Protein backbone atom coordinates (compact mmCIF):
# COMPACT_ATOMS: atom_id res chain seq x y z
CA UNK A 1 0.00 0.00 0.00
CA UNK A 2 1.42 3.37 -1.06
CA UNK A 3 2.28 5.92 1.60
CA UNK A 4 0.77 9.37 0.98
CA UNK A 5 2.28 12.82 1.54
CA UNK A 6 0.78 16.20 0.73
CA UNK A 7 3.19 18.96 -0.25
CA UNK A 8 2.27 22.61 0.37
CA UNK A 9 4.69 25.38 -0.57
CA UNK A 10 4.94 29.08 -1.39
CA UNK A 11 4.94 28.80 -5.19
CA UNK A 12 5.41 32.55 -5.53
CA UNK A 13 9.00 32.18 -4.34
CA UNK A 14 11.44 30.50 -6.70
CA UNK A 15 13.64 29.10 -3.94
CA UNK A 16 10.65 27.53 -2.17
CA UNK A 17 9.54 25.89 -5.40
CA UNK A 18 13.00 24.48 -6.05
CA UNK A 19 13.18 22.91 -2.59
CA UNK A 20 9.65 21.56 -2.96
CA UNK A 21 10.70 19.80 -6.19
CA UNK A 22 13.61 18.17 -4.36
CA UNK A 23 11.37 16.96 -1.53
CA UNK A 24 8.74 15.68 -3.97
CA UNK A 25 11.28 13.73 -6.01
CA UNK A 26 12.89 12.23 -2.89
CA UNK A 27 9.49 11.10 -1.57
CA UNK A 28 8.44 9.64 -4.91
CA UNK A 29 11.70 7.65 -5.08
CA UNK A 30 10.94 6.36 -1.56
CA UNK A 31 7.59 5.02 -2.75
CA UNK A 32 5.26 7.80 -1.62
CA UNK A 33 2.25 9.06 -3.48
CA UNK A 34 2.96 12.80 -3.44
CA UNK A 35 -0.05 15.09 -3.68
CA UNK A 36 -0.13 18.81 -4.35
CA UNK A 37 -2.99 21.27 -4.45
CA UNK A 38 -4.23 21.43 -8.04
CA UNK A 39 -3.46 25.15 -8.40
CA UNK A 40 0.24 24.51 -7.64
CA UNK A 41 0.91 21.64 -10.06
CA UNK A 42 2.06 23.81 -12.96
CA UNK A 43 4.45 25.80 -10.76
CA UNK A 44 6.13 22.72 -9.28
CA UNK A 45 6.66 20.91 -12.60
CA UNK A 46 7.33 17.55 -10.95
CA UNK A 47 6.33 14.46 -12.99
CA UNK A 48 4.38 11.96 -10.94
CA UNK A 49 2.73 14.24 -8.39
CA UNK A 50 -1.03 13.86 -7.92
CA UNK A 51 -3.15 17.05 -8.07
CA UNK A 52 -5.98 17.26 -5.56
CA UNK A 53 -8.60 19.85 -4.64
CA UNK A 54 -8.34 21.83 -1.42
CA UNK A 55 -11.30 19.94 0.03
CA UNK A 56 -9.73 16.47 0.13
CA UNK A 57 -6.02 17.05 -0.49
CA UNK A 58 -4.94 15.67 2.90
CA UNK A 59 -7.50 12.84 3.20
CA UNK A 60 -5.66 9.64 4.05
CA UNK A 61 -2.26 11.36 4.06
CA UNK A 62 0.41 10.06 6.40
CA UNK A 63 1.98 13.51 6.57
CA UNK A 64 1.63 17.05 5.23
CA UNK A 65 4.78 19.01 4.38
CA UNK A 66 4.67 22.81 4.65
CA UNK A 67 7.68 24.37 2.93
CA UNK A 68 7.85 28.12 3.50
CA UNK A 69 7.26 30.52 6.35
CA UNK A 70 4.55 30.66 9.00
CA UNK A 71 1.99 31.79 6.41
CA UNK A 72 2.55 28.63 4.40
CA UNK A 73 2.35 26.56 7.58
CA UNK A 74 -1.01 28.09 8.50
CA UNK A 75 -2.31 27.48 4.98
CA UNK A 76 -1.21 23.85 5.21
CA UNK A 77 -2.91 23.58 8.61
CA UNK A 78 -6.23 24.41 6.95
CA UNK A 79 -5.81 21.28 4.83
CA UNK A 80 -4.29 19.00 7.47
CA UNK A 81 -6.63 19.73 10.39
CA UNK A 82 -9.92 18.30 9.04
CA UNK A 83 -8.08 15.18 7.82
CA UNK A 84 -6.28 14.82 11.18
CA UNK A 85 -3.02 14.51 9.23
CA UNK A 86 0.30 15.34 10.97
CA UNK A 87 1.92 18.55 9.72
CA UNK A 88 5.67 19.06 9.29
CA UNK A 89 6.93 22.60 8.79
CA UNK A 90 10.25 23.27 7.04
CA UNK A 91 11.21 26.92 7.32
CA UNK A 92 12.16 28.60 4.06
CA UNK A 93 11.11 32.05 5.26
CA UNK A 94 12.40 34.34 8.01
CA UNK A 95 11.51 33.44 11.61
CA UNK A 96 9.33 30.42 10.84
CA UNK A 97 8.42 29.86 14.48
CA UNK A 98 5.93 27.11 13.67
CA UNK A 99 8.41 25.10 11.60
CA UNK A 100 10.19 22.07 12.98
CA UNK A 101 13.13 22.06 10.57
CA UNK A 102 15.27 24.69 8.84
CA UNK A 103 16.37 24.82 5.22
CA UNK A 104 19.66 23.03 5.96
CA UNK A 105 17.74 20.15 7.53
CA UNK A 106 15.54 19.30 4.54
CA UNK A 107 17.35 16.13 3.45
CA UNK A 108 17.47 14.75 6.99
CA UNK A 109 13.82 15.67 7.58
CA UNK A 110 12.75 13.69 4.51
CA UNK A 111 14.86 10.71 5.62
CA UNK A 112 13.27 10.83 9.08
CA UNK A 113 9.79 10.82 7.55
CA UNK A 114 10.63 7.95 5.19
CA UNK A 115 11.98 5.98 8.17
CA UNK A 116 9.02 6.99 10.36
CA UNK A 117 11.47 8.54 12.79
CA UNK A 118 9.20 11.22 14.22
CA UNK A 119 6.57 11.88 16.85
CA UNK A 120 3.35 13.90 16.73
CA UNK A 121 2.12 16.58 19.16
CA UNK A 122 -1.45 17.89 19.32
CA UNK A 123 -1.82 21.67 19.48
CA UNK A 124 -4.84 23.38 20.99
CA UNK A 125 -6.94 25.43 18.53
CA UNK A 126 -9.75 27.98 18.77
CA UNK A 127 -13.28 27.79 17.43
CA UNK A 128 -15.02 31.10 16.72
CA UNK A 129 -18.65 31.96 16.07
CA UNK A 130 -19.69 35.47 15.03
CA UNK A 131 -23.31 36.61 15.13
CA UNK A 132 -23.29 39.53 12.73
CA UNK A 133 -26.77 40.69 13.68
CA UNK A 134 -29.17 39.47 16.39
CA UNK A 135 -30.92 36.44 14.94
CA UNK A 136 -29.23 37.07 11.59
CA UNK A 137 -26.22 35.80 9.67
CA UNK A 138 -23.68 33.67 11.54
CA UNK A 139 -20.03 33.09 10.58
CA UNK A 140 -18.02 30.18 11.98
CA UNK A 141 -14.28 29.61 11.68
CA UNK A 142 -11.23 28.45 13.65
CA UNK A 143 -7.60 29.37 14.35
CA UNK A 144 -4.33 27.75 15.36
CA UNK A 145 -2.59 30.96 16.45
CA UNK A 146 -5.21 33.59 17.23
CA UNK A 147 -8.59 35.16 16.65
CA UNK A 148 -8.60 38.96 16.68
CA UNK A 149 -11.35 41.55 16.64
CA UNK A 150 -9.92 44.85 15.44
CA UNK A 151 -11.07 48.30 14.41
CA UNK A 152 -12.07 48.55 10.78
CA UNK A 153 -11.37 52.27 10.42
CA UNK A 154 -7.90 53.57 11.08
CA UNK A 155 -8.89 56.94 12.54
CA UNK A 156 -11.48 55.69 15.06
CA UNK A 157 -11.20 53.73 18.28
CA UNK A 158 -13.18 50.50 18.64
CA UNK A 159 -15.46 49.97 21.64
CA UNK A 160 -15.58 46.33 22.77
CA UNK A 161 -17.29 44.65 25.72
CA UNK A 162 -15.40 41.53 26.79
CA UNK A 163 -17.03 38.71 28.77
CA UNK A 164 -15.18 35.71 30.17
CA UNK A 165 -17.20 32.59 31.01
CA UNK A 166 -20.45 34.48 30.69
CA UNK A 167 -19.48 37.28 33.07
CA UNK A 168 -18.54 40.84 32.02
CA UNK A 169 -14.83 41.58 32.40
CA UNK A 170 -14.27 45.04 30.93
CA UNK A 171 -15.28 47.46 28.21
CA UNK A 172 -12.30 48.57 26.16
CA UNK A 173 -11.79 51.56 23.92
CA UNK A 174 -9.02 49.99 21.87
CA UNK A 175 -7.52 49.01 18.53
CA UNK A 176 -8.77 45.49 19.17
CA UNK A 177 -8.48 42.32 21.25
CA UNK A 178 -6.49 39.16 20.47
CA UNK A 179 -7.66 35.73 21.68
CA UNK A 180 -4.74 33.33 21.33
CA UNK A 181 -3.57 29.78 21.93
CA UNK A 182 -0.24 28.86 23.54
CA UNK A 183 1.04 28.17 20.00
CA UNK A 184 -0.02 31.70 19.03
CA UNK A 185 1.54 33.28 22.10
CA UNK A 186 4.70 33.98 20.08
CA UNK A 187 2.76 35.59 17.20
CA UNK A 188 0.30 38.52 17.24
CA UNK A 189 -0.37 38.20 20.98
CA UNK A 190 3.36 38.53 21.64
CA UNK A 191 3.50 41.75 19.62
CA UNK A 192 0.61 43.06 21.73
CA UNK A 193 2.54 42.50 24.97
CA UNK A 194 1.16 39.07 25.86
CA UNK A 195 3.19 36.38 27.65
CA UNK A 196 5.05 33.55 25.96
CA UNK A 197 3.31 30.30 26.91
CA UNK A 198 4.94 26.89 26.45
CA UNK A 199 2.97 24.91 23.85
CA UNK A 200 2.40 22.02 26.27
CA UNK A 201 0.40 24.31 28.57
CA UNK A 202 -3.35 24.10 28.07
CA UNK A 203 -4.64 27.65 28.36
CA UNK A 204 -6.24 30.50 26.44
CA UNK A 205 -4.89 34.05 26.17
CA UNK A 206 -6.69 37.37 25.91
CA UNK A 207 -4.60 40.40 24.95
CA UNK A 208 -6.09 43.91 24.48
CA UNK A 209 -4.40 45.98 21.76
CA UNK A 210 -3.60 49.62 22.62
CA UNK A 211 -6.50 49.80 25.06
CA UNK A 212 -7.44 53.18 26.55
CA UNK A 213 -8.30 51.71 29.95
CA UNK A 214 -7.02 51.61 33.53
CA UNK A 215 -6.88 47.81 33.38
CA UNK A 216 -5.71 46.32 30.11
CA UNK A 217 -3.39 43.53 31.19
CA UNK A 218 -3.08 40.38 29.09
CA UNK A 219 -4.90 37.45 30.69
CA UNK A 220 -4.24 33.71 30.78
CA UNK A 221 -7.37 31.67 31.43
CA UNK A 222 -8.39 28.04 31.69
CA UNK A 223 -8.61 26.07 28.43
CA UNK A 224 -12.31 25.59 29.16
CA UNK A 225 -12.98 29.34 29.21
CA UNK A 226 -15.21 31.11 26.73
CA UNK A 227 -14.52 34.65 25.50
CA UNK A 228 -17.37 36.79 24.21
CA UNK A 229 -16.48 40.03 22.41
CA UNK A 230 -19.39 42.36 21.64
CA UNK A 231 -18.88 45.26 19.28
CA UNK A 232 -20.63 48.26 20.80
CA UNK A 233 -23.80 49.15 18.83
CA UNK A 234 -22.69 52.80 18.61
CA UNK A 235 -19.06 52.22 17.68
CA UNK A 236 -17.32 51.88 14.33
CA UNK A 237 -17.03 48.93 11.95
CA UNK A 238 -14.86 46.06 13.20
CA UNK A 239 -12.99 43.20 11.53
CA UNK A 240 -12.73 39.57 12.64
CA UNK A 241 -9.48 37.87 11.62
CA UNK A 242 -8.51 34.21 12.10
CA UNK A 243 -4.78 33.45 11.81
CA UNK A 244 -4.41 36.41 9.47
CA UNK A 245 -6.05 34.33 6.73
CA UNK A 246 -9.82 34.36 7.16
CA UNK A 247 -11.25 37.87 7.49
CA UNK A 248 -14.87 38.93 8.09
CA UNK A 249 -16.48 42.35 8.53
CA UNK A 250 -18.28 42.90 11.83
CA UNK A 251 -21.00 45.56 11.97
CA UNK A 252 -21.72 47.46 15.20
CA UNK A 253 -23.60 45.15 17.58
CA UNK A 254 -21.90 41.97 16.32
CA UNK A 255 -21.11 39.33 18.91
CA UNK A 256 -18.07 37.02 18.68
CA UNK A 257 -17.68 33.88 20.81
CA UNK A 258 -14.29 32.14 21.11
CA UNK A 259 -13.53 28.88 22.87
CA UNK A 260 -11.29 25.84 22.64
CA UNK A 261 -11.45 24.14 19.26
CA UNK A 262 -13.02 20.73 18.85
CA UNK A 263 -10.19 19.62 16.53
CA UNK A 264 -6.48 20.10 17.35
CA UNK A 265 -3.73 20.53 14.79
CA UNK A 266 -1.29 17.61 14.81
CA UNK A 267 2.32 18.80 14.47
CA UNK A 268 5.31 16.60 13.63
CA UNK A 269 8.35 16.64 15.89
CA UNK A 270 11.66 15.30 14.58
CA UNK A 271 13.54 15.70 17.86
CA UNK A 272 12.93 16.26 21.56
CA UNK A 273 14.49 19.73 21.41
CA UNK A 274 13.22 21.78 24.40
CA UNK A 275 10.99 24.76 23.69
CA UNK A 276 13.49 26.96 25.53
CA UNK A 277 16.11 26.25 22.88
CA UNK A 278 13.61 27.00 20.11
CA UNK A 279 12.68 30.30 21.77
CA UNK A 280 16.31 31.36 22.12
CA UNK A 281 17.17 30.41 18.53
CA UNK A 282 14.13 31.94 16.83
CA UNK A 283 14.24 35.24 18.73
CA UNK A 284 18.03 35.44 18.97
CA UNK A 285 17.83 35.92 22.74
CA UNK A 286 21.01 37.18 24.45
CA UNK A 287 21.65 34.20 26.72
CA UNK A 288 24.88 35.73 28.00
CA UNK A 289 23.28 39.13 28.57
CA UNK A 290 24.54 42.40 27.17
CA UNK A 291 27.50 42.39 29.59
CA UNK A 292 28.69 38.95 28.49
CA UNK A 293 28.70 35.66 30.36
CA UNK A 294 30.58 34.89 33.57
CA UNK A 295 32.25 31.62 34.48
């Protein structure tokens, strides 16, 4: 029985496409059926790959490769999550915090996959439901990193009422509010002043963005918590954004509910490298301090 791998890459970048060709050819030689999203077949130009639609590309796949930056990884997660397929990120971008391997590790990463020398972690996700009008249209989506509700007009502050577990917490005049997972704690929430949370921790994060309020601290809540963000009926237009990829307009009065996702994202690990080492490497942290180390 043929083993199946789905390959997702940033076809708009020549270098990414070249590396994707190498990975595809190596997997095909190892006996894999290599799938690609139909829209990317012509860019890859690899004989023997199988084009599939977005809807079922990862069905039955043993693994999904994401070759690129975090944007490519998040796009691949959209395909891998419903199929419950493990996702391996190989960073061909800049920071690539979600990736497991770097560009120099590609050959070894493929060998590890061929030899089944890897483990799989499950990452907490978010489910979001937005009621655009009372009793009216409803939008549902999900996120691996974060769900944000932000102002839709640059010159005007957004008024948001935030409830946690059905109880009012605070009303913010702000640029927005980020609801994040531990995985997303190093992304948008981090930029907003939120804490870095180890991915093994089960928790949810709520981070106000530029809030004009006496209390606007980032919060870490239980994984069972529910956040409700209500756009004030008399405020400006707002925007709902999931992982920076799925964007919806929110009219005044819209109500957004965020809680733990029903489906995790399964992420491949090639080594037992501690998260501390990943954090230091990705952010270039000064382990020795600015004065230098002491023995």
